[in-house]
Each structure stands twice: as structure tokens, then as C-alpha cells.
Amino acid sequence: MYLLKMFHDENYNKVDSQLIVTTHNTRILASDFFRREQIWFTEKSKDTKSTILYSLFDYEDRVDRSIEKGYFSGRYGGLPDILYGRI
């Protein structure tokens, strides 16, 4: 989170550099740290075996919902929990 906060702080990031991060840490979704258009999800297509990339901003426009809770309930696709034997 420290590194991400540095990129959001105009005192450190004076030239508006961008940082692309991938993580499995869902606690980041619980904070108001990112805007909805900054959060992207991926899901593997069962048919083509390719990765599909989609934005939370395009998927849902309600700002009153918990993103982390929605993710764990499967609202945004993906596989929030991997169960043994279901890989």
C-alpha cells in the first residue's frame, strides 16, 4: 500500500506517472483508495482459454456497494474461491 500511496501523492509523483499492479489481495477493494475505473478484473474463458479483461466501471455504476463483498459473492465474475478439485 505504501508504494501505491506514493503514486497517488502529487508530492512524490510530480509527473503523473502510472503504475500497473496485479494482486490477489482483496483488502485493497475494501478501501476507497482507487476509483472504480482504476479497478480491472480478469477471467479465463472456458471456451477459448484466453483471458478476458474488464473494468469495474463498465460492469457496475453503483458506488454504494462494497466492491470487496461483491467480489466474494461472485458479482464481478472471476473465481473468488478456488475449491479443491475445481481448478
PDB file of N, CA and C in Angstrom:
ATOM      1  N   MET A   1       0.826  -1.187   0.000  1.00  0.00           N
ATOM      2  CA  MET A   1       0.000   0.000   0.000  1.00  0.00           C
ATOM      3  C   MET A   1       0.873   1.255   0.000  1.00  0.00           C
ATOM      4  N   TYR A   2       2.038   1.164   0.630  1.00  0.00           N
ATOM      5  CA  TYR A   2       2.918   2.336   0.684  1.00  0.00           C
ATOM      6  C   TYR A   2       3.316   2.790  -0.723  1.00  0.00           C
ATOM      7  N   LEU A   3       3.708   1.839  -1.557  1.00  0.00           N
ATOM      8  CA  LEU A   3       4.101   2.169  -2.931  1.00  0.00           C
ATOM      9  C   LEU A   3       2.927   2.759  -3.711  1.00  0.00           C
ATOM     10  N   LEU A   4       1.754   2.182  -3.541  1.00  0.00           N
ATOM     11  CA  LEU A   4       0.574   2.705  -4.233  1.00  0.00           C
ATOM     12  C   LEU A   4       0.238   4.114  -3.766  1.00  0.00           C
ATOM     13  N   LYS A   5       0.364   4.356  -2.471  1.00  0.00           N
ATOM     14  CA  LYS A   5       0.099   5.697  -1.931  1.00  0.00           C
ATOM     15  C   LYS A   5       1.080   6.716  -2.499  1.00  0.00           C
ATOM     16  N   MET A   6       2.318   6.310  -2.720  1.00  0.00           N
ATOM     17  CA  MET A   6       3.300   7.227  -3.314  1.00  0.00           C
ATOM     18  C   MET A   6       2.874   7.657  -4.713  1.00  0.00           C
ATOM     19  N   PHE A   7       2.323   6.736  -5.491  1.00  0.00           N
ATOM     20  CA  PHE A   7       1.896   7.083  -6.845  1.00  0.00           C
ATOM     21  C   PHE A   7       0.656   7.970  -6.847  1.00  0.00           C
ATOM     22  N   HIS A   8      -0.135   7.928  -5.798  1.00  0.00           N
ATOM     23  CA  HIS A   8      -1.318   8.781  -5.686  1.00  0.00           C
ATOM     24  C   HIS A   8      -1.000  10.135  -5.058  1.00  0.00           C
ATOM     25  N   ASP A   9       0.182  10.292  -4.532  1.00  0.00           N
ATOM     26  CA  ASP A   9       0.571  11.528  -3.851  1.00  0.00           C
ATOM     27  C   ASP A   9       1.306  12.443  -4.830  1.00  0.00           C
ATOM     28  N   GLU A  10       0.750  13.614  -5.073  1.00  0.00           N
ATOM     29  CA  GLU A  10       1.360  14.534  -6.044  1.00  0.00           C
ATOM     30  C   GLU A  10       2.693  15.093  -5.566  1.00  0.00           C
ATOM     31  N   ASN A  11       2.995  14.998  -4.279  1.00  0.00           N
ATOM     32  CA  ASN A  11       4.308  15.434  -3.793  1.00  0.00           C
ATOM     33  C   ASN A  11       5.411  14.472  -4.207  1.00  0.00           C
ATOM     34  N   TYR A  12       5.089  13.181  -4.344  1.00  0.00           N
ATOM     35  CA  TYR A  12       6.058  12.185  -4.810  1.00  0.00           C
ATOM     36  C   TYR A  12       5.980  11.994  -6.314  1.00  0.00           C
ATOM     37  N   ASN A  13       4.801  11.922  -6.837  1.00  0.00           N
ATOM     38  CA  ASN A  13       4.584  11.631  -8.254  1.00  0.00           C
ATOM     39  C   ASN A  13       4.282  12.936  -8.990  1.00  0.00           C
ATOM     40  N   LYS A  14       5.287  13.718  -9.213  1.00  0.00           N
ATOM     41  CA  LYS A  14       5.119  15.061  -9.770  1.00  0.00           C
ATOM     42  C   LYS A  14       4.838  15.069 -11.267  1.00  0.00           C
ATOM     43  N   VAL A  15       5.102  13.972 -11.964  1.00  0.00           N
ATOM     44  CA  VAL A  15       4.881  13.934 -13.409  1.00  0.00           C
ATOM     45  C   VAL A  15       3.729  13.013 -13.786  1.00  0.00           C
ATOM     46  N   ASP A  16       2.877  12.657 -12.806  1.00  0.00           N
ATOM     47  CA  ASP A  16       1.704  11.804 -13.033  1.00  0.00           C
ATOM     48  C   ASP A  16       2.056  10.467 -13.692  1.00  0.00           C
ATOM     49  N   SER A  17       3.104   9.834 -13.195  1.00  0.00           N
ATOM     50  CA  SER A  17       3.465   8.504 -13.689  1.00  0.00           C
ATOM     51  C   SER A  17       2.358   7.522 -13.347  1.00  0.00           C
ATOM     52  N   GLN A  18       2.270   6.472 -14.135  1.00  0.00           N
ATOM     53  CA  GLN A  18       1.283   5.431 -13.892  1.00  0.00           C
ATOM     54  C   GLN A  18       1.980   4.165 -13.415  1.00  0.00           C
ATOM     55  N   LEU A  19       1.237   3.390 -12.656  1.00  0.00           N
ATOM     56  CA  LEU A  19       1.748   2.117 -12.156  1.00  0.00           C
ATOM     57  C   LEU A  19       0.662   1.080 -12.379  1.00  0.00           C
ATOM     58  N   ILE A  20       1.018  -0.014 -13.011  1.00  0.00           N
ATOM     59  CA  ILE A  20       0.075  -1.112 -13.212  1.00  0.00           C
ATOM     60  C   ILE A  20       0.460  -2.223 -12.246  1.00  0.00           C
ATOM     61  N   VAL A  21      -0.507  -2.639 -11.432  1.00  0.00           N
ATOM     62  CA  VAL A  21      -0.245  -3.612 -10.379  1.00  0.00           C
ATOM     63  C   VAL A  21      -1.259  -4.737 -10.495  1.00  0.00           C
ATOM     64  N   THR A  22      -0.797  -5.938 -10.301  1.00  0.00           N
ATOM     65  CA  THR A  22      -1.707  -7.074 -10.200  1.00  0.00           C
ATOM     66  C   THR A  22      -1.555  -7.666  -8.806  1.00  0.00           C
ATOM     67  N   THR A  23      -2.680  -8.037  -8.219  1.00  0.00           N
ATOM     68  CA  THR A  23      -2.633  -8.550  -6.861  1.00  0.00           C
ATOM     69  C   THR A  23      -3.778  -9.507  -6.616  1.00  0.00           C
ATOM     70  N   HIS A  24      -3.610 -10.342  -5.633  1.00  0.00           N
ATOM     71  CA  HIS A  24      -4.686 -11.212  -5.161  1.00  0.00           C
ATOM     72  C   HIS A  24      -5.191 -10.735  -3.806  1.00  0.00           C
ATOM     73  N   ASN A  25      -4.700  -9.591  -3.372  1.00  0.00           N
ATOM     74  CA  ASN A  25      -5.088  -9.029  -2.087  1.00  0.00           C
ATOM     75  C   ASN A  25      -6.414  -8.276  -2.248  1.00  0.00           C
ATOM     76  N   THR A  26      -7.483  -8.834  -1.744  1.00  0.00           N
ATOM     77  CA  THR A  26      -8.801  -8.207  -1.903  1.00  0.00           C
ATOM     78  C   THR A  26      -9.042  -7.084  -0.906  1.00  0.00           C
ATOM     79  N   ARG A  27      -8.197  -6.940   0.084  1.00  0.00           N
ATOM     80  CA  ARG A  27      -8.371  -5.845   1.047  1.00  0.00           C
ATOM     81  C   ARG A  27      -8.262  -4.498   0.366  1.00  0.00           C
ATOM     82  N   ILE A  28      -7.532  -4.439  -0.722  1.00  0.00           N
ATOM     83  CA  ILE A  28      -7.426  -3.193  -1.489  1.00  0.00           C
ATOM     84  C   ILE A  28      -8.806  -2.765  -2.001  1.00  0.00           C
ATOM     85  N   LEU A  29      -9.671  -3.728  -2.294  1.00  0.00           N
ATOM     86  CA  LEU A  29     -11.004  -3.414  -2.796  1.00  0.00           C
ATOM     87  C   LEU A  29     -11.897  -2.812  -1.720  1.00  0.00           C
ATOM     88  N   ALA A  30     -11.584  -3.052  -0.460  1.00  0.00           N
ATOM     89  CA  ALA A  30     -12.417  -2.564   0.634  1.00  0.00           C
ATOM     90  C   ALA A  30     -12.182  -1.089   0.919  1.00  0.00           C
ATOM     91  N   SER A  31     -11.092  -0.551   0.456  1.00  0.00           N
ATOM     92  CA  SER A  31     -10.789   0.847   0.735  1.00  0.00           C
ATOM     93  C   SER A  31     -11.344   1.739  -0.374  1.00  0.00           C
ATOM     94  N   ASP A  32     -11.385   3.017  -0.109  1.00  0.00           N
ATOM     95  CA  ASP A  32     -11.780   3.995  -1.124  1.00  0.00           C
ATOM     96  C   ASP A  32     -10.547   4.562  -1.813  1.00  0.00           C
ATOM     97  N   PHE A  33      -9.508   3.770  -1.858  1.00  0.00           N
ATOM     98  CA  PHE A  33      -8.226   4.221  -2.387  1.00  0.00           C
ATOM     99  C   PHE A  33      -8.247   4.381  -3.902  1.00  0.00           C
ATOM    100  N   PHE A  34      -8.942   3.480  -4.596  1.00  0.00           N
ATOM    101  CA  PHE A  34      -8.998   3.522  -6.051  1.00  0.00           C
ATOM    102  C   PHE A  34     -10.372   3.980  -6.527  1.00  0.00           C
ATOM    103  N   ARG A  35     -10.375   4.650  -7.663  1.00  0.00           N
ATOM    104  CA  ARG A  35     -11.639   4.963  -8.331  1.00  0.00           C
ATOM    105  C   ARG A  35     -12.106   3.708  -9.072  1.00  0.00           C
ATOM    106  N   ARG A  36     -13.386   3.620  -9.352  1.00  0.00           N
ATOM    107  CA  ARG A  36     -13.946   2.425  -9.992  1.00  0.00           C
ATOM    108  C   ARG A  36     -13.337   2.150 -11.367  1.00  0.00           C
ATOM    109  N   GLU A  37     -12.972   3.183 -12.102  1.00  0.00           N
ATOM    110  CA  GLU A  37     -12.377   2.957 -13.425  1.00  0.00           C
ATOM    111  C   GLU A  37     -10.924   2.508 -13.335  1.00  0.00           C
ATOM    112  N   GLN A  38     -10.353   2.510 -12.144  1.00  0.00           N
ATOM    113  CA  GLN A  38      -8.987   2.041 -11.967  1.00  0.00           C
ATOM    114  C   GLN A  38      -8.919   0.565 -11.600  1.00  0.00           C
ATOM    115  N   ILE A  39     -10.041  -0.051 -11.335  1.00  0.00           N
ATOM    116  CA  ILE A  39     -10.070  -1.456 -10.923  1.00  0.00           C
ATOM    117  C   ILE A  39     -10.499  -2.315 -12.106  1.00  0.00           C
ATOM    118  N   TRP A  40      -9.671  -3.289 -12.425  1.00  0.00           N
ATOM    119  CA  TRP A  40      -9.939  -4.194 -13.537  1.00  0.00           C
ATOM    120  C   TRP A  40      -9.896  -5.626 -13.028  1.00  0.00           C
ATOM    121  N   PHE A  41     -10.728  -6.456 -13.627  1.00  0.00           N
ATOM    122  CA  PHE A  41     -10.779  -7.871 -13.293  1.00  0.00           C
ATOM    123  C   PHE A  41     -10.419  -8.684 -14.532  1.00  0.00           C
ATOM    124  N   THR A  42      -9.931  -9.888 -14.303  1.00  0.00           N
ATOM    125  CA  THR A  42      -9.687 -10.818 -15.403  1.00  0.00           C
ATOM    126  C   THR A  42     -10.392 -12.131 -15.102  1.00  0.00           C
ATOM    127  N   GLU A  43     -10.733 -12.804 -16.177  1.00  0.00           N
ATOM    128  CA  GLU A  43     -11.358 -14.114 -16.043  1.00  0.00           C
ATOM    129  C   GLU A  43     -10.951 -14.950 -17.248  1.00  0.00           C
ATOM    130  N   LYS A  44     -10.662 -16.196 -17.013  1.00  0.00           N
ATOM    131  CA  LYS A  44     -10.258 -17.089 -18.091  1.00  0.00           C
ATOM    132  C   LYS A  44     -11.500 -17.666 -18.759  1.00  0.00           C
ATOM    133  N   SER A  45     -11.552 -17.556 -20.063  1.00  0.00           N
ATOM    134  CA  SER A  45     -12.667 -18.101 -20.832  1.00  0.00           C
ATOM    135  C   SER A  45     -12.560 -19.619 -20.871  1.00  0.00           C
ATOM    136  N   LYS A  46     -13.656 -20.291 -20.537  1.00  0.00           N
ATOM    137  CA  LYS A  46     -13.651 -21.757 -20.562  1.00  0.00           C
ATOM    138  C   LYS A  46     -13.562 -22.287 -21.987  1.00  0.00           C
ATOM    139  N   ASP A  47     -14.114 -21.540 -22.942  1.00  0.00           N
ATOM    140  CA  ASP A  47     -14.133 -21.995 -24.335  1.00  0.00           C
ATOM    141  C   ASP A  47     -12.791 -21.799 -25.032  1.00  0.00           C
ATOM    142  N   THR A  48     -12.272 -20.576 -24.974  1.00  0.00           N
ATOM    143  CA  THR A  48     -11.054 -20.265 -25.735  1.00  0.00           C
ATOM    144  C   THR A  48      -9.785 -20.331 -24.908  1.00  0.00           C
ATOM    145  N   LYS A  49      -9.926 -20.465 -23.593  1.00  0.00           N
ATOM    146  CA  LYS A  49      -8.795 -20.493 -22.664  1.00  0.00           C
ATOM    147  C   LYS A  49      -8.016 -19.183 -22.664  1.00  0.00           C
ATOM    148  N   SER A  50      -8.588 -18.122 -23.208  1.00  0.00           N
ATOM    149  CA  SER A  50      -7.933 -16.816 -23.200  1.00  0.00           C
ATOM    150  C   SER A  50      -8.428 -16.005 -22.002  1.00  0.00           C
ATOM    151  N   THR A  51      -7.704 -14.963 -21.672  1.00  0.00           N
ATOM    152  CA  THR A  51      -8.050 -14.125 -20.528  1.00  0.00           C
ATOM    153  C   THR A  51      -8.896 -12.949 -20.983  1.00  0.00           C
ATOM    154  N   ILE A  52      -9.991 -12.725 -20.289  1.00  0.00           N
ATOM    155  CA  ILE A  52     -10.887 -11.608 -20.566  1.00  0.00           C
ATOM    156  C   ILE A  52     -10.623 -10.541 -19.515  1.00  0.00           C
ATOM    157  N   LEU A  53     -10.443  -9.297 -19.953  1.00  0.00           N
ATOM    158  CA  LEU A  53     -10.167  -8.177 -19.068  1.00  0.00           C
ATOM    159  C   LEU A  53     -11.351  -7.226 -19.103  1.00  0.00           C
ATOM    160  N   TYR A  54     -11.873  -6.845 -17.922  1.00  0.00           N
ATOM    161  CA  TYR A  54     -12.998  -5.918 -17.895  1.00  0.00           C
ATOM    162  C   TYR A  54     -12.895  -5.009 -16.678  1.00  0.00           C
ATOM    163  N   SER A  55     -13.411  -3.807 -16.845  1.00  0.00           N
ATOM    164  CA  SER A  55     -13.322  -2.786 -15.817  1.00  0.00           C
ATOM    165  C   SER A  55     -14.526  -2.825 -14.887  1.00  0.00           C
ATOM    166  N   LEU A  56     -14.318  -2.560 -13.630  1.00  0.00           N
ATOM    167  CA  LEU A  56     -15.415  -2.433 -12.679  1.00  0.00           C
ATOM    168  C   LEU A  56     -16.319  -1.276 -13.079  1.00  0.00           C
ATOM    169  N   PHE A  57     -15.759  -0.213 -13.610  1.00  0.00           N
ATOM    170  CA  PHE A  57     -16.526   0.958 -14.029  1.00  0.00           C
ATOM    171  C   PHE A  57     -17.554   0.597 -15.102  1.00  0.00           C
ATOM    172  N   ASP A  58     -17.169  -0.253 -16.037  1.00  0.00           N
ATOM    173  CA  ASP A  58     -18.086  -0.687 -17.098  1.00  0.00           C
ATOM    174  C   ASP A  58     -19.088  -1.711 -16.589  1.00  0.00           C
ATOM    175  N   TYR A  59     -18.717  -2.436 -15.574  1.00  0.00           N
ATOM    176  CA  TYR A  59     -19.543  -3.527 -15.083  1.00  0.00           C
ATOM    177  C   TYR A  59     -20.656  -3.058 -14.155  1.00  0.00           C
ATOM    178  N   GLU A  60     -20.359  -2.096 -13.310  1.00  0.00           N
ATOM    179  CA  GLU A  60     -21.347  -1.640 -12.339  1.00  0.00           C
ATOM    180  C   GLU A  60     -21.131  -0.165 -12.052  1.00  0.00           C
ATOM    181  N   ASP A  61     -22.220   0.594 -12.021  1.00  0.00           N
ATOM    182  CA  ASP A  61     -22.102   2.021 -11.774  1.00  0.00           C
ATOM    183  C   ASP A  61     -22.532   2.441 -10.373  1.00  0.00           C
ATOM    184  N   ARG A  62     -22.998   1.507  -9.569  1.00  0.00           N
ATOM    185  CA  ARG A  62     -23.401   1.847  -8.192  1.00  0.00           C
ATOM    186  C   ARG A  62     -22.172   2.041  -7.324  1.00  0.00           C
ATOM    187  N   VAL A  63     -22.117   3.166  -6.643  1.00  0.00           N
ATOM    188  CA  VAL A  63     -20.965   3.456  -5.802  1.00  0.00           C
ATOM    189  C   VAL A  63     -21.230   3.140  -4.330  1.00  0.00           C
ATOM    190  N   ASP A  64     -22.458   2.726  -4.012  1.00  0.00           N
ATOM    191  CA  ASP A  64     -22.790   2.461  -2.613  1.00  0.00           C
ATOM    192  C   ASP A  64     -22.541   1.016  -2.200  1.00  0.00           C
ATOM    193  N   ARG A  65     -22.109   0.175  -3.109  1.00  0.00           N
ATOM    194  CA  ARG A  65     -21.844  -1.227  -2.791  1.00  0.00           C
ATOM    195  C   ARG A  65     -20.393  -1.439  -2.417  1.00  0.00           C
ATOM    196  N   SER A  66     -20.176  -2.404  -1.554  1.00  0.00           N
ATOM    197  CA  SER A  66     -18.816  -2.794  -1.191  1.00  0.00           C
ATOM    198  C   SER A  66     -18.237  -3.627  -2.337  1.00  0.00           C
ATOM    199  N   ILE A  67     -17.154  -3.162  -2.895  1.00  0.00           N
ATOM    200  CA  ILE A  67     -16.521  -3.880  -4.010  1.00  0.00           C
ATOM    201  C   ILE A  67     -15.989  -5.226  -3.531  1.00  0.00           C
ATOM    202  N   GLU A  68     -15.375  -5.243  -2.363  1.00  0.00           N
ATOM    203  CA  GLU A  68     -14.814  -6.496  -1.848  1.00  0.00           C
ATOM    204  C   GLU A  68     -15.911  -7.524  -1.599  1.00  0.00           C
ATOM    205  N   LYS A  69     -17.006  -7.121  -0.980  1.00  0.00           N
ATOM    206  CA  LYS A  69     -18.116  -8.049  -0.737  1.00  0.00           C
ATOM    207  C   LYS A  69     -18.708  -8.543  -2.051  1.00  0.00           C
ATOM    208  N   GLY A  70     -18.848  -7.657  -3.021  1.00  0.00           N
ATOM    209  CA  GLY A  70     -19.363  -8.052  -4.333  1.00  0.00           C
ATOM    210  C   GLY A  70     -18.459  -9.043  -5.030  1.00  0.00           C
ATOM    211  N   TYR A  71     -17.158  -8.845  -4.892  1.00  0.00           N
ATOM    212  CA  TYR A  71     -16.206  -9.775  -5.495  1.00  0.00           C
ATOM    213  C   TYR A  71     -16.345 -11.163  -4.889  1.00  0.00           C
ATOM    214  N   PHE A  72     -16.413 -11.225  -3.568  1.00  0.00           N
ATOM    215  CA  PHE A  72     -16.521 -12.527  -2.906  1.00  0.00           C
ATOM    216  C   PHE A  72     -17.856 -13.216  -3.157  1.00  0.00           C
ATOM    217  N   SER A  73     -18.876 -12.462  -3.472  1.00  0.00           N
ATOM    218  CA  SER A  73     -20.167 -13.086  -3.787  1.00  0.00           C
ATOM    219  C   SER A  73     -20.243 -13.502  -5.256  1.00  0.00           C
ATOM    220  N   GLY A  74     -19.210 -13.176  -6.050  1.00  0.00           N
ATOM    221  CA  GLY A  74     -19.177 -13.564  -7.460  1.00  0.00           C
ATOM    222  C   GLY A  74     -19.861 -12.566  -8.378  1.00  0.00           C
ATOM    223  N   ARG A  75     -20.206 -11.395  -7.890  1.00  0.00           N
ATOM    224  CA  ARG A  75     -20.920 -10.389  -8.682  1.00  0.00           C
ATOM    225  C   ARG A  75     -20.120  -9.920  -9.896  1.00  0.00           C
ATOM    226  N   TYR A  76     -18.816  -9.904  -9.801  1.00  0.00           N
ATOM    227  CA  TYR A  76     -17.974  -9.386 -10.880  1.00  0.00           C
ATOM    228  C   TYR A  76     -17.309 -10.483 -11.695  1.00  0.00           C
ATOM    229  N   GLY A  77     -17.825 -11.686 -11.615  1.00  0.00           N
ATOM    230  CA  GLY A  77     -17.222 -12.787 -12.352  1.00  0.00           C
ATOM    231  C   GLY A  77     -15.989 -13.277 -11.622  1.00  0.00           C
ATOM    232  N   GLY A  78     -15.116 -13.894 -12.353  1.00  0.00           N
ATOM    233  CA  GLY A  78     -13.915 -14.426 -11.726  1.00  0.00           C
ATOM    234  C   GLY A  78     -14.258 -15.607 -10.833  1.00  0.00           C
ATOM    235  N   LEU A  79     -13.295 -16.064 -10.140  1.00  0.00           N
ATOM    236  CA  LEU A  79     -13.471 -17.181  -9.226  1.00  0.00           C
ATOM    237  C   LEU A  79     -12.936 -16.750  -7.873  1.00  0.00           C
ATOM    238  N   PRO A  80     -13.787 -16.185  -7.005  1.00  0.00           N
ATOM    239  CA  PRO A  80     -13.290 -15.657  -5.750  1.00  0.00           C
ATOM    240  C   PRO A  80     -12.696 -16.716  -4.825  1.00  0.00           C
ATOM    241  N   ASP A  81     -13.164 -17.941  -4.887  1.00  0.00           N
ATOM    242  CA  ASP A  81     -12.621 -19.017  -4.056  1.00  0.00           C
ATOM    243  C   ASP A  81     -12.316 -20.217  -4.940  1.00  0.00           C
ATOM    244  N   ILE A  82     -11.119 -20.727  -4.818  1.00  0.00           N
ATOM    245  CA  ILE A  82     -10.760 -21.932  -5.551  1.00  0.00           C
ATOM    246  C   ILE A  82     -10.973 -23.107  -4.617  1.00  0.00           C
ATOM    247  N   LEU A  83     -11.841 -23.987  -4.993  1.00  0.00           N
ATOM    248  CA  LEU A  83     -12.106 -25.167  -4.184  1.00  0.00           C
ATOM    249  C   LEU A  83     -11.280 -26.324  -4.697  1.00  0.00           C
ATOM    250  N   TYR A  84     -10.855 -27.190  -3.796  1.00  0.00           N
ATOM    251  CA  TYR A  84     -10.037 -28.332  -4.174  1.00  0.00           C
ATOM    252  C   TYR A  84     -10.784 -29.161  -5.227  1.00  0.00           C
ATOM    253  N   GLY A  85     -10.100 -29.455  -6.319  1.00  0.00           N
ATOM    254  CA  GLY A  85     -10.692 -30.247  -7.382  1.00  0.00           C
ATOM    255  C   GLY A  85     -11.398 -29.412  -8.445  1.00  0.00           C
ATOM    256  N   ARG A  86     -11.448 -28.075  -8.276  1.00  0.00           N
ATOM    257  CA  ARG A  86     -12.147 -27.218  -9.238  1.00  0.00           C
ATOM    258  C   ARG A  86     -11.217 -26.272  -9.952  1.00  0.00           C
ATOM    259  N   ILE A  87      -9.988 -26.622 -10.172  1.00  0.00           N
ATOM    260  CA  ILE A  87      -9.050 -25.727 -10.871  1.00  0.00           C
ATOM    261  C   ILE A  87      -9.282 -25.821 -12.357  1.00  0.00           C
TER     262      ILE A  87
END
